[in-house]
PDBML (XML) file of the C-alpha atoms, coordinates in Angstrom:
<?xml version="1.0" encoding="UTF-8" ?>
<PDBx:datablock datablockName="MODEL"
   xmlns:PDBx="http://pdbml.pdb.org/schema/pdbx-v50.xsd"
   xmlns:xsi="http://www.w3.org/2001/XMLSchema-instance"
   xsi:schemaLocation="http://pdbml.pdb.org/schema/pdbx-v50.xsd pdbx-v50.xsd">
   <PDBx:atom_siteCategory>
      <PDBx:atom_site id="1">
         <PDBx:B_iso_or_equiv>0.00</PDBx:B_iso_or_equiv>
         <PDBx:Cartn_x>-8.214</PDBx:Cartn_x>
         <PDBx:Cartn_y>41.114</PDBx:Cartn_y>
         <PDBx:Cartn_z>8.658</PDBx:Cartn_z>
         <PDBx:auth_asym_id>A</PDBx:auth_asym_id>
         <PDBx:auth_atom_id>CA</PDBx:auth_atom_id>
         <PDBx:auth_comp_id>UNK</PDBx:auth_comp_id>
         <PDBx:auth_seq_id>1</PDBx:auth_seq_id>
         <PDBx:group_PDB>ATOM</PDBx:group_PDB>
         <PDBx:label_alt_id xsi:nil="true" />
         <PDBx:label_asym_id>A</PDBx:label_asym_id>
         <PDBx:label_atom_id>CA</PDBx:label_atom_id>
         <PDBx:label_comp_id>UNK</PDBx:label_comp_id>
         <PDBx:label_entity_id>1</PDBx:label_entity_id>
         <PDBx:label_seq_id>1</PDBx:label_seq_id>
         <PDBx:occupancy>1.00</PDBx:occupancy>
         <PDBx:pdbx_PDB_model_num>1</PDBx:pdbx_PDB_model_num>
         <PDBx:type_symbol>C</PDBx:type_symbol>
      </PDBx:atom_site>
      <PDBx:atom_site id="2">
         <PDBx:B_iso_or_equiv>0.00</PDBx:B_iso_or_equiv>
         <PDBx:Cartn_x>-8.613</PDBx:Cartn_x>
         <PDBx:Cartn_y>37.353</PDBx:Cartn_y>
         <PDBx:Cartn_z>8.892</PDBx:Cartn_z>
         <PDBx:auth_asym_id>A</PDBx:auth_asym_id>
         <PDBx:auth_atom_id>CA</PDBx:auth_atom_id>
         <PDBx:auth_comp_id>UNK</PDBx:auth_comp_id>
         <PDBx:auth_seq_id>2</PDBx:auth_seq_id>
         <PDBx:group_PDB>ATOM</PDBx:group_PDB>
         <PDBx:label_alt_id xsi:nil="true" />
         <PDBx:label_asym_id>A</PDBx:label_asym_id>
         <PDBx:label_atom_id>CA</PDBx:label_atom_id>
         <PDBx:label_comp_id>UNK</PDBx:label_comp_id>
         <PDBx:label_entity_id>1</PDBx:label_entity_id>
         <PDBx:label_seq_id>2</PDBx:label_seq_id>
         <PDBx:occupancy>1.00</PDBx:occupancy>
         <PDBx:pdbx_PDB_model_num>1</PDBx:pdbx_PDB_model_num>
         <PDBx:type_symbol>C</PDBx:type_symbol>
      </PDBx:atom_site>
      <PDBx:atom_site id="3">
         <PDBx:B_iso_or_equiv>0.00</PDBx:B_iso_or_equiv>
         <PDBx:Cartn_x>-6.481</PDBx:Cartn_x>
         <PDBx:Cartn_y>34.254</PDBx:Cartn_y>
         <PDBx:Cartn_z>9.324</PDBx:Cartn_z>
         <PDBx:auth_asym_id>A</PDBx:auth_asym_id>
         <PDBx:auth_atom_id>CA</PDBx:auth_atom_id>
         <PDBx:auth_comp_id>UNK</PDBx:auth_comp_id>
         <PDBx:auth_seq_id>3</PDBx:auth_seq_id>
         <PDBx:group_PDB>ATOM</PDBx:group_PDB>
         <PDBx:label_alt_id xsi:nil="true" />
         <PDBx:label_asym_id>A</PDBx:label_asym_id>
         <PDBx:label_atom_id>CA</PDBx:label_atom_id>
         <PDBx:label_comp_id>UNK</PDBx:label_comp_id>
         <PDBx:label_entity_id>1</PDBx:label_entity_id>
         <PDBx:label_seq_id>3</PDBx:label_seq_id>
         <PDBx:occupancy>1.00</PDBx:occupancy>
         <PDBx:pdbx_PDB_model_num>1</PDBx:pdbx_PDB_model_num>
         <PDBx:type_symbol>C</PDBx:type_symbol>
      </PDBx:atom_site>
      <PDBx:atom_site id="4">
         <PDBx:B_iso_or_equiv>0.00</PDBx:B_iso_or_equiv>
         <PDBx:Cartn_x>-6.338</PDBx:Cartn_x>
         <PDBx:Cartn_y>30.843</PDBx:Cartn_y>
         <PDBx:Cartn_z>7.595</PDBx:Cartn_z>
         <PDBx:auth_asym_id>A</PDBx:auth_asym_id>
         <PDBx:auth_atom_id>CA</PDBx:auth_atom_id>
         <PDBx:auth_comp_id>UNK</PDBx:auth_comp_id>
         <PDBx:auth_seq_id>4</PDBx:auth_seq_id>
         <PDBx:group_PDB>ATOM</PDBx:group_PDB>
         <PDBx:label_alt_id xsi:nil="true" />
         <PDBx:label_asym_id>A</PDBx:label_asym_id>
         <PDBx:label_atom_id>CA</PDBx:label_atom_id>
         <PDBx:label_comp_id>UNK</PDBx:label_comp_id>
         <PDBx:label_entity_id>1</PDBx:label_entity_id>
         <PDBx:label_seq_id>4</PDBx:label_seq_id>
         <PDBx:occupancy>1.00</PDBx:occupancy>
         <PDBx:pdbx_PDB_model_num>1</PDBx:pdbx_PDB_model_num>
         <PDBx:type_symbol>C</PDBx:type_symbol>
      </PDBx:atom_site>
      <PDBx:atom_site id="5">
         <PDBx:B_iso_or_equiv>0.00</PDBx:B_iso_or_equiv>
         <PDBx:Cartn_x>-8.985</PDBx:Cartn_x>
         <PDBx:Cartn_y>28.603</PDBx:Cartn_y>
         <PDBx:Cartn_z>9.133</PDBx:Cartn_z>
         <PDBx:auth_asym_id>A</PDBx:auth_asym_id>
         <PDBx:auth_atom_id>CA</PDBx:auth_atom_id>
         <PDBx:auth_comp_id>UNK</PDBx:auth_comp_id>
         <PDBx:auth_seq_id>5</PDBx:auth_seq_id>
         <PDBx:group_PDB>ATOM</PDBx:group_PDB>
         <PDBx:label_alt_id xsi:nil="true" />
         <PDBx:label_asym_id>A</PDBx:label_asym_id>
         <PDBx:label_atom_id>CA</PDBx:label_atom_id>
         <PDBx:label_comp_id>UNK</PDBx:label_comp_id>
         <PDBx:label_entity_id>1</PDBx:label_entity_id>
         <PDBx:label_seq_id>5</PDBx:label_seq_id>
         <PDBx:occupancy>1.00</PDBx:occupancy>
         <PDBx:pdbx_PDB_model_num>1</PDBx:pdbx_PDB_model_num>
         <PDBx:type_symbol>C</PDBx:type_symbol>
      </PDBx:atom_site>
      <PDBx:atom_site id="6">
         <PDBx:B_iso_or_equiv>0.00</PDBx:B_iso_or_equiv>
         <PDBx:Cartn_x>-10.405</PDBx:Cartn_x>
         <PDBx:Cartn_y>25.108</PDBx:Cartn_y>
         <PDBx:Cartn_z>8.777</PDBx:Cartn_z>
         <PDBx:auth_asym_id>A</PDBx:auth_asym_id>
         <PDBx:auth_atom_id>CA</PDBx:auth_atom_id>
         <PDBx:auth_comp_id>UNK</PDBx:auth_comp_id>
         <PDBx:auth_seq_id>6</PDBx:auth_seq_id>
         <PDBx:group_PDB>ATOM</PDBx:group_PDB>
         <PDBx:label_alt_id xsi:nil="true" />
         <PDBx:label_asym_id>A</PDBx:label_asym_id>
         <PDBx:label_atom_id>CA</PDBx:label_atom_id>
         <PDBx:label_comp_id>UNK</PDBx:label_comp_id>
         <PDBx:label_entity_id>1</PDBx:label_entity_id>
         <PDBx:label_seq_id>6</PDBx:label_seq_id>
         <PDBx:occupancy>1.00</PDBx:occupancy>
         <PDBx:pdbx_PDB_model_num>1</PDBx:pdbx_PDB_model_num>
         <PDBx:type_symbol>C</PDBx:type_symbol>
      </PDBx:atom_site>
      <PDBx:atom_site id="7">
         <PDBx:B_iso_or_equiv>0.00</PDBx:B_iso_or_equiv>
         <PDBx:Cartn_x>-14.063</PDBx:Cartn_x>
         <PDBx:Cartn_y>24.295</PDBx:Cartn_y>
         <PDBx:Cartn_z>8.191</PDBx:Cartn_z>
         <PDBx:auth_asym_id>A</PDBx:auth_asym_id>
         <PDBx:auth_atom_id>CA</PDBx:auth_atom_id>
         <PDBx:auth_comp_id>UNK</PDBx:auth_comp_id>
         <PDBx:auth_seq_id>7</PDBx:auth_seq_id>
         <PDBx:group_PDB>ATOM</PDBx:group_PDB>
         <PDBx:label_alt_id xsi:nil="true" />
         <PDBx:label_asym_id>A</PDBx:label_asym_id>
         <PDBx:label_atom_id>CA</PDBx:label_atom_id>
         <PDBx:label_comp_id>UNK</PDBx:label_comp_id>
         <PDBx:label_entity_id>1</PDBx:label_entity_id>
         <PDBx:label_seq_id>7</PDBx:label_seq_id>
         <PDBx:occupancy>1.00</PDBx:occupancy>
         <PDBx:pdbx_PDB_model_num>1</PDBx:pdbx_PDB_model_num>
         <PDBx:type_symbol>C</PDBx:type_symbol>
      </PDBx:atom_site>
      <PDBx:atom_site id="8">
         <PDBx:B_iso_or_equiv>0.00</PDBx:B_iso_or_equiv>
         <PDBx:Cartn_x>-15.755</PDBx:Cartn_x>
         <PDBx:Cartn_y>20.998</PDBx:Cartn_y>
         <PDBx:Cartn_z>8.891</PDBx:Cartn_z>
         <PDBx:auth_asym_id>A</PDBx:auth_asym_id>
         <PDBx:auth_atom_id>CA</PDBx:auth_atom_id>
         <PDBx:auth_comp_id>UNK</PDBx:auth_comp_id>
         <PDBx:auth_seq_id>8</PDBx:auth_seq_id>
         <PDBx:group_PDB>ATOM</PDBx:group_PDB>
         <PDBx:label_alt_id xsi:nil="true" />
         <PDBx:label_asym_id>A</PDBx:label_asym_id>
         <PDBx:label_atom_id>CA</PDBx:label_atom_id>
         <PDBx:label_comp_id>UNK</PDBx:label_comp_id>
         <PDBx:label_entity_id>1</PDBx:label_entity_id>
         <PDBx:label_seq_id>8</PDBx:label_seq_id>
         <PDBx:occupancy>1.00</PDBx:occupancy>
         <PDBx:pdbx_PDB_model_num>1</PDBx:pdbx_PDB_model_num>
         <PDBx:type_symbol>C</PDBx:type_symbol>
      </PDBx:atom_site>
      <PDBx:atom_site id="9">
         <PDBx:B_iso_or_equiv>0.00</PDBx:B_iso_or_equiv>
         <PDBx:Cartn_x>-15.400</PDBx:Cartn_x>
         <PDBx:Cartn_y>19.824</PDBx:Cartn_y>
         <PDBx:Cartn_z>5.272</PDBx:Cartn_z>
         <PDBx:auth_asym_id>A</PDBx:auth_asym_id>
         <PDBx:auth_atom_id>CA</PDBx:auth_atom_id>
         <PDBx:auth_comp_id>UNK</PDBx:auth_comp_id>
         <PDBx:auth_seq_id>9</PDBx:auth_seq_id>
         <PDBx:group_PDB>ATOM</PDBx:group_PDB>
         <PDBx:label_alt_id xsi:nil="true" />
         <PDBx:label_asym_id>A</PDBx:label_asym_id>
         <PDBx:label_atom_id>CA</PDBx:label_atom_id>
         <PDBx:label_comp_id>UNK</PDBx:label_comp_id>
         <PDBx:label_entity_id>1</PDBx:label_entity_id>
         <PDBx:label_seq_id>9</PDBx:label_seq_id>
         <PDBx:occupancy>1.00</PDBx:occupancy>
         <PDBx:pdbx_PDB_model_num>1</PDBx:pdbx_PDB_model_num>
         <PDBx:type_symbol>C</PDBx:type_symbol>
      </PDBx:atom_site>
      <PDBx:atom_site id="10">
         <PDBx:B_iso_or_equiv>0.00</PDBx:B_iso_or_equiv>
         <PDBx:Cartn_x>-11.603</PDBx:Cartn_x>
         <PDBx:Cartn_y>20.124</PDBx:Cartn_y>
         <PDBx:Cartn_z>5.386</PDBx:Cartn_z>
         <PDBx:auth_asym_id>A</PDBx:auth_asym_id>
         <PDBx:auth_atom_id>CA</PDBx:auth_atom_id>
         <PDBx:auth_comp_id>UNK</PDBx:auth_comp_id>
         <PDBx:auth_seq_id>10</PDBx:auth_seq_id>
         <PDBx:group_PDB>ATOM</PDBx:group_PDB>
         <PDBx:label_alt_id xsi:nil="true" />
         <PDBx:label_asym_id>A</PDBx:label_asym_id>
         <PDBx:label_atom_id>CA</PDBx:label_atom_id>
         <PDBx:label_comp_id>UNK</PDBx:label_comp_id>
         <PDBx:label_entity_id>1</PDBx:label_entity_id>
         <PDBx:label_seq_id>10</PDBx:label_seq_id>
         <PDBx:occupancy>1.00</PDBx:occupancy>
         <PDBx:pdbx_PDB_model_num>1</PDBx:pdbx_PDB_model_num>
         <PDBx:type_symbol>C</PDBx:type_symbol>
      </PDBx:atom_site>
      <PDBx:atom_site id="11">
         <PDBx:B_iso_or_equiv>0.00</PDBx:B_iso_or_equiv>
         <PDBx:Cartn_x>-11.532</PDBx:Cartn_x>
         <PDBx:Cartn_y>18.057</PDBx:Cartn_y>
         <PDBx:Cartn_z>8.574</PDBx:Cartn_z>
         <PDBx:auth_asym_id>A</PDBx:auth_asym_id>
         <PDBx:auth_atom_id>CA</PDBx:auth_atom_id>
         <PDBx:auth_comp_id>UNK</PDBx:auth_comp_id>
         <PDBx:auth_seq_id>11</PDBx:auth_seq_id>
         <PDBx:group_PDB>ATOM</PDBx:group_PDB>
         <PDBx:label_alt_id xsi:nil="true" />
         <PDBx:label_asym_id>A</PDBx:label_asym_id>
         <PDBx:label_atom_id>CA</PDBx:label_atom_id>
         <PDBx:label_comp_id>UNK</PDBx:label_comp_id>
         <PDBx:label_entity_id>1</PDBx:label_entity_id>
         <PDBx:label_seq_id>11</PDBx:label_seq_id>
         <PDBx:occupancy>1.00</PDBx:occupancy>
         <PDBx:pdbx_PDB_model_num>1</PDBx:pdbx_PDB_model_num>
         <PDBx:type_symbol>C</PDBx:type_symbol>
      </PDBx:atom_site>
      <PDBx:atom_site id="12">
         <PDBx:B_iso_or_equiv>0.00</PDBx:B_iso_or_equiv>
         <PDBx:Cartn_x>-14.175</PDBx:Cartn_x>
         <PDBx:Cartn_y>15.364</PDBx:Cartn_y>
         <PDBx:Cartn_z>7.984</PDBx:Cartn_z>
         <PDBx:auth_asym_id>A</PDBx:auth_asym_id>
         <PDBx:auth_atom_id>CA</PDBx:auth_atom_id>
         <PDBx:auth_comp_id>UNK</PDBx:auth_comp_id>
         <PDBx:auth_seq_id>12</PDBx:auth_seq_id>
         <PDBx:group_PDB>ATOM</PDBx:group_PDB>
         <PDBx:label_alt_id xsi:nil="true" />
         <PDBx:label_asym_id>A</PDBx:label_asym_id>
         <PDBx:label_atom_id>CA</PDBx:label_atom_id>
         <PDBx:label_comp_id>UNK</PDBx:label_comp_id>
         <PDBx:label_entity_id>1</PDBx:label_entity_id>
         <PDBx:label_seq_id>12</PDBx:label_seq_id>
         <PDBx:occupancy>1.00</PDBx:occupancy>
         <PDBx:pdbx_PDB_model_num>1</PDBx:pdbx_PDB_model_num>
         <PDBx:type_symbol>C</PDBx:type_symbol>
      </PDBx:atom_site>
      <PDBx:atom_site id="13">
         <PDBx:B_iso_or_equiv>0.00</PDBx:B_iso_or_equiv>
         <PDBx:Cartn_x>-12.979</PDBx:Cartn_x>
         <PDBx:Cartn_y>14.704</PDBx:Cartn_y>
         <PDBx:Cartn_z>4.410</PDBx:Cartn_z>
         <PDBx:auth_asym_id>A</PDBx:auth_asym_id>
         <PDBx:auth_atom_id>CA</PDBx:auth_atom_id>
         <PDBx:auth_comp_id>UNK</PDBx:auth_comp_id>
         <PDBx:auth_seq_id>13</PDBx:auth_seq_id>
         <PDBx:group_PDB>ATOM</PDBx:group_PDB>
         <PDBx:label_alt_id xsi:nil="true" />
         <PDBx:label_asym_id>A</PDBx:label_asym_id>
         <PDBx:label_atom_id>CA</PDBx:label_atom_id>
         <PDBx:label_comp_id>UNK</PDBx:label_comp_id>
         <PDBx:label_entity_id>1</PDBx:label_entity_id>
         <PDBx:label_seq_id>13</PDBx:label_seq_id>
         <PDBx:occupancy>1.00</PDBx:occupancy>
         <PDBx:pdbx_PDB_model_num>1</PDBx:pdbx_PDB_model_num>
         <PDBx:type_symbol>C</PDBx:type_symbol>
      </PDBx:atom_site>
      <PDBx:atom_site id="14">
         <PDBx:B_iso_or_equiv>0.00</PDBx:B_iso_or_equiv>
         <PDBx:Cartn_x>-10.097</PDBx:Cartn_x>
         <PDBx:Cartn_y>12.821</PDBx:Cartn_y>
         <PDBx:Cartn_z>6.055</PDBx:Cartn_z>
         <PDBx:auth_asym_id>A</PDBx:auth_asym_id>
         <PDBx:auth_atom_id>CA</PDBx:auth_atom_id>
         <PDBx:auth_comp_id>UNK</PDBx:auth_comp_id>
         <PDBx:auth_seq_id>14</PDBx:auth_seq_id>
         <PDBx:group_PDB>ATOM</PDBx:group_PDB>
         <PDBx:label_alt_id xsi:nil="true" />
         <PDBx:label_asym_id>A</PDBx:label_asym_id>
         <PDBx:label_atom_id>CA</PDBx:label_atom_id>
         <PDBx:label_comp_id>UNK</PDBx:label_comp_id>
         <PDBx:label_entity_id>1</PDBx:label_entity_id>
         <PDBx:label_seq_id>14</PDBx:label_seq_id>
         <PDBx:occupancy>1.00</PDBx:occupancy>
         <PDBx:pdbx_PDB_model_num>1</PDBx:pdbx_PDB_model_num>
         <PDBx:type_symbol>C</PDBx:type_symbol>
      </PDBx:atom_site>
      <PDBx:atom_site id="15">
         <PDBx:B_iso_or_equiv>0.00</PDBx:B_iso_or_equiv>
         <PDBx:Cartn_x>-12.521</PDBx:Cartn_x>
         <PDBx:Cartn_y>10.435</PDBx:Cartn_y>
         <PDBx:Cartn_z>7.793</PDBx:Cartn_z>
         <PDBx:auth_asym_id>A</PDBx:auth_asym_id>
         <PDBx:auth_atom_id>CA</PDBx:auth_atom_id>
         <PDBx:auth_comp_id>UNK</PDBx:auth_comp_id>
         <PDBx:auth_seq_id>15</PDBx:auth_seq_id>
         <PDBx:group_PDB>ATOM</PDBx:group_PDB>
         <PDBx:label_alt_id xsi:nil="true" />
         <PDBx:label_asym_id>A</PDBx:label_asym_id>
         <PDBx:label_atom_id>CA</PDBx:label_atom_id>
         <PDBx:label_comp_id>UNK</PDBx:label_comp_id>
         <PDBx:label_entity_id>1</PDBx:label_entity_id>
         <PDBx:label_seq_id>15</PDBx:label_seq_id>
         <PDBx:occupancy>1.00</PDBx:occupancy>
         <PDBx:pdbx_PDB_model_num>1</PDBx:pdbx_PDB_model_num>
         <PDBx:type_symbol>C</PDBx:type_symbol>
      </PDBx:atom_site>
      <PDBx:atom_site id="16">
         <PDBx:B_iso_or_equiv>0.00</PDBx:B_iso_or_equiv>
         <PDBx:Cartn_x>-13.202</PDBx:Cartn_x>
         <PDBx:Cartn_y>10.052</PDBx:Cartn_y>
         <PDBx:Cartn_z>11.501</PDBx:Cartn_z>
         <PDBx:auth_asym_id>A</PDBx:auth_asym_id>
         <PDBx:auth_atom_id>CA</PDBx:auth_atom_id>
         <PDBx:auth_comp_id>UNK</PDBx:auth_comp_id>
         <PDBx:auth_seq_id>16</PDBx:auth_seq_id>
         <PDBx:group_PDB>ATOM</PDBx:group_PDB>
         <PDBx:label_alt_id xsi:nil="true" />
         <PDBx:label_asym_id>A</PDBx:label_asym_id>
         <PDBx:label_atom_id>CA</PDBx:label_atom_id>
         <PDBx:label_comp_id>UNK</PDBx:label_comp_id>
         <PDBx:label_entity_id>1</PDBx:label_entity_id>
         <PDBx:label_seq_id>16</PDBx:label_seq_id>
         <PDBx:occupancy>1.00</PDBx:occupancy>
         <PDBx:pdbx_PDB_model_num>1</PDBx:pdbx_PDB_model_num>
         <PDBx:type_symbol>C</PDBx:type_symbol>
      </PDBx:atom_site>
      <PDBx:atom_site id="17">
         <PDBx:B_iso_or_equiv>0.00</PDBx:B_iso_or_equiv>
         <PDBx:Cartn_x>-10.157</PDBx:Cartn_x>
         <PDBx:Cartn_y>7.876</PDBx:Cartn_y>
         <PDBx:Cartn_z>12.173</PDBx:Cartn_z>
         <PDBx:auth_asym_id>A</PDBx:auth_asym_id>
         <PDBx:auth_atom_id>CA</PDBx:auth_atom_id>
         <PDBx:auth_comp_id>UNK</PDBx:auth_comp_id>
         <PDBx:auth_seq_id>17</PDBx:auth_seq_id>
         <PDBx:group_PDB>ATOM</PDBx:group_PDB>
         <PDBx:label_alt_id xsi:nil="true" />
         <PDBx:label_asym_id>A</PDBx:label_asym_id>
         <PDBx:label_atom_id>CA</PDBx:label_atom_id>
         <PDBx:label_comp_id>UNK</PDBx:label_comp_id>
         <PDBx:label_entity_id>1</PDBx:label_entity_id>
         <PDBx:label_seq_id>17</PDBx:label_seq_id>
         <PDBx:occupancy>1.00</PDBx:occupancy>
         <PDBx:pdbx_PDB_model_num>1</PDBx:pdbx_PDB_model_num>
         <PDBx:type_symbol>C</PDBx:type_symbol>
      </PDBx:atom_site>
      <PDBx:atom_site id="18">
         <PDBx:B_iso_or_equiv>0.00</PDBx:B_iso_or_equiv>
         <PDBx:Cartn_x>-7.785</PDBx:Cartn_x>
         <PDBx:Cartn_y>10.438</PDBx:Cartn_y>
         <PDBx:Cartn_z>10.670</PDBx:Cartn_z>
         <PDBx:auth_asym_id>A</PDBx:auth_asym_id>
         <PDBx:auth_atom_id>CA</PDBx:auth_atom_id>
         <PDBx:auth_comp_id>UNK</PDBx:auth_comp_id>
         <PDBx:auth_seq_id>18</PDBx:auth_seq_id>
         <PDBx:group_PDB>ATOM</PDBx:group_PDB>
         <PDBx:label_alt_id xsi:nil="true" />
         <PDBx:label_asym_id>A</PDBx:label_asym_id>
         <PDBx:label_atom_id>CA</PDBx:label_atom_id>
         <PDBx:label_comp_id>UNK</PDBx:label_comp_id>
         <PDBx:label_entity_id>1</PDBx:label_entity_id>
         <PDBx:label_seq_id>18</PDBx:label_seq_id>
         <PDBx:occupancy>1.00</PDBx:occupancy>
         <PDBx:pdbx_PDB_model_num>1</PDBx:pdbx_PDB_model_num>
         <PDBx:type_symbol>C</PDBx:type_symbol>
      </PDBx:atom_site>
      <PDBx:atom_site id="19">
         <PDBx:B_iso_or_equiv>0.00</PDBx:B_iso_or_equiv>
         <PDBx:Cartn_x>-8.768</PDBx:Cartn_x>
         <PDBx:Cartn_y>13.588</PDBx:Cartn_y>
         <PDBx:Cartn_z>12.584</PDBx:Cartn_z>
         <PDBx:auth_asym_id>A</PDBx:auth_asym_id>
         <PDBx:auth_atom_id>CA</PDBx:auth_atom_id>
         <PDBx:auth_comp_id>UNK</PDBx:auth_comp_id>
         <PDBx:auth_seq_id>19</PDBx:auth_seq_id>
         <PDBx:group_PDB>ATOM</PDBx:group_PDB>
         <PDBx:label_alt_id xsi:nil="true" />
         <PDBx:label_asym_id>A</PDBx:label_asym_id>
         <PDBx:label_atom_id>CA</PDBx:label_atom_id>
         <PDBx:label_comp_id>UNK</PDBx:label_comp_id>
         <PDBx:label_entity_id>1</PDBx:label_entity_id>
         <PDBx:label_seq_id>19</PDBx:label_seq_id>
         <PDBx:occupancy>1.00</PDBx:occupancy>
         <PDBx:pdbx_PDB_model_num>1</PDBx:pdbx_PDB_model_num>
         <PDBx:type_symbol>C</PDBx:type_symbol>
      </PDBx:atom_site>
      <PDBx:atom_site id="20">
         <PDBx:B_iso_or_equiv>0.00</PDBx:B_iso_or_equiv>
         <PDBx:Cartn_x>-5.204</PDBx:Cartn_x>
         <PDBx:Cartn_y>13.895</PDBx:Cartn_y>
         <PDBx:Cartn_z>13.887</PDBx:Cartn_z>
         <PDBx:auth_asym_id>A</PDBx:auth_asym_id>
         <PDBx:auth_atom_id>CA</PDBx:auth_atom_id>
         <PDBx:auth_comp_id>UNK</PDBx:auth_comp_id>
         <PDBx:auth_seq_id>20</PDBx:auth_seq_id>
         <PDBx:group_PDB>ATOM</PDBx:group_PDB>
         <PDBx:label_alt_id xsi:nil="true" />
         <PDBx:label_asym_id>A</PDBx:label_asym_id>
         <PDBx:label_atom_id>CA</PDBx:label_atom_id>
         <PDBx:label_comp_id>UNK</PDBx:label_comp_id>
         <PDBx:label_entity_id>1</PDBx:label_entity_id>
         <PDBx:label_seq_id>20</PDBx:label_seq_id>
         <PDBx:occupancy>1.00</PDBx:occupancy>
         <PDBx:pdbx_PDB_model_num>1</PDBx:pdbx_PDB_model_num>
         <PDBx:type_symbol>C</PDBx:type_symbol>
      </PDBx:atom_site>
      <PDBx:atom_site id="21">
         <PDBx:B_iso_or_equiv>0.00</PDBx:B_iso_or_equiv>
         <PDBx:Cartn_x>-3.852</PDBx:Cartn_x>
         <PDBx:Cartn_y>13.851</PDBx:Cartn_y>
         <PDBx:Cartn_z>10.314</PDBx:Cartn_z>
         <PDBx:auth_asym_id>A</PDBx:auth_asym_id>
         <PDBx:auth_atom_id>CA</PDBx:auth_atom_id>
         <PDBx:auth_comp_id>UNK</PDBx:auth_comp_id>
         <PDBx:auth_seq_id>21</PDBx:auth_seq_id>
         <PDBx:group_PDB>ATOM</PDBx:group_PDB>
         <PDBx:label_alt_id xsi:nil="true" />
         <PDBx:label_asym_id>A</PDBx:label_asym_id>
         <PDBx:label_atom_id>CA</PDBx:label_atom_id>
         <PDBx:label_comp_id>UNK</PDBx:label_comp_id>
         <PDBx:label_entity_id>1</PDBx:label_entity_id>
         <PDBx:label_seq_id>21</PDBx:label_seq_id>
         <PDBx:occupancy>1.00</PDBx:occupancy>
         <PDBx:pdbx_PDB_model_num>1</PDBx:pdbx_PDB_model_num>
         <PDBx:type_symbol>C</PDBx:type_symbol>
      </PDBx:atom_site>
      <PDBx:atom_site id="22">
         <PDBx:B_iso_or_equiv>0.00</PDBx:B_iso_or_equiv>
         <PDBx:Cartn_x>-6.376</PDBx:Cartn_x>
         <PDBx:Cartn_y>16.508</PDBx:Cartn_y>
         <PDBx:Cartn_z>9.336</PDBx:Cartn_z>
         <PDBx:auth_asym_id>A</PDBx:auth_asym_id>
         <PDBx:auth_atom_id>CA</PDBx:auth_atom_id>
         <PDBx:auth_comp_id>UNK</PDBx:auth_comp_id>
         <PDBx:auth_seq_id>22</PDBx:auth_seq_id>
         <PDBx:group_PDB>ATOM</PDBx:group_PDB>
         <PDBx:label_alt_id xsi:nil="true" />
         <PDBx:label_asym_id>A</PDBx:label_asym_id>
         <PDBx:label_atom_id>CA</PDBx:label_atom_id>
         <PDBx:label_comp_id>UNK</PDBx:label_comp_id>
         <PDBx:label_entity_id>1</PDBx:label_entity_id>
         <PDBx:label_seq_id>22</PDBx:label_seq_id>
         <PDBx:occupancy>1.00</PDBx:occupancy>
         <PDBx:pdbx_PDB_model_num>1</PDBx:pdbx_PDB_model_num>
         <PDBx:type_symbol>C</PDBx:type_symbol>
      </PDBx:atom_site>
      <PDBx:atom_site id="23">
         <PDBx:B_iso_or_equiv>0.00</PDBx:B_iso_or_equiv>
         <PDBx:Cartn_x>-5.219</PDBx:Cartn_x>
         <PDBx:Cartn_y>18.769</PDBx:Cartn_y>
         <PDBx:Cartn_z>12.168</PDBx:Cartn_z>
         <PDBx:auth_asym_id>A</PDBx:auth_asym_id>
         <PDBx:auth_atom_id>CA</PDBx:auth_atom_id>
         <PDBx:auth_comp_id>UNK</PDBx:auth_comp_id>
         <PDBx:auth_seq_id>23</PDBx:auth_seq_id>
         <PDBx:group_PDB>ATOM</PDBx:group_PDB>
         <PDBx:label_alt_id xsi:nil="true" />
         <PDBx:label_asym_id>A</PDBx:label_asym_id>
         <PDBx:label_atom_id>CA</PDBx:label_atom_id>
         <PDBx:label_comp_id>UNK</PDBx:label_comp_id>
         <PDBx:label_entity_id>1</PDBx:label_entity_id>
         <PDBx:label_seq_id>23</PDBx:label_seq_id>
         <PDBx:occupancy>1.00</PDBx:occupancy>
         <PDBx:pdbx_PDB_model_num>1</PDBx:pdbx_PDB_model_num>
         <PDBx:type_symbol>C</PDBx:type_symbol>
      </PDBx:atom_site>
      <PDBx:atom_site id="24">
         <PDBx:B_iso_or_equiv>0.00</PDBx:B_iso_or_equiv>
         <PDBx:Cartn_x>-1.579</PDBx:Cartn_x>
         <PDBx:Cartn_y>18.102</PDBx:Cartn_y>
         <PDBx:Cartn_z>11.383</PDBx:Cartn_z>
         <PDBx:auth_asym_id>A</PDBx:auth_asym_id>
         <PDBx:auth_atom_id>CA</PDBx:auth_atom_id>
         <PDBx:auth_comp_id>UNK</PDBx:auth_comp_id>
         <PDBx:auth_seq_id>24</PDBx:auth_seq_id>
         <PDBx:group_PDB>ATOM</PDBx:group_PDB>
         <PDBx:label_alt_id xsi:nil="true" />
         <PDBx:label_asym_id>A</PDBx:label_asym_id>
         <PDBx:label_atom_id>CA</PDBx:label_atom_id>
         <PDBx:label_comp_id>UNK</PDBx:label_comp_id>
         <PDBx:label_entity_id>1</PDBx:label_entity_id>
         <PDBx:label_seq_id>24</PDBx:label_seq_id>
         <PDBx:occupancy>1.00</PDBx:occupancy>
         <PDBx:pdbx_PDB_model_num>1</PDBx:pdbx_PDB_model_num>
         <PDBx:type_symbol>C</PDBx:type_symbol>
      </PDBx:atom_site>
   </PDBx:atom_siteCategory>
</PDBx:datablock>
C-alpha cells in the first residue's frame, strides 16, 4: 500500500514565495 505524496516538482512549480500555497 501507499499514500498520496508530493514530490519536489509539485512544490517548486508554485515558486519559492508560494510554498505555503503548494502545501495547502
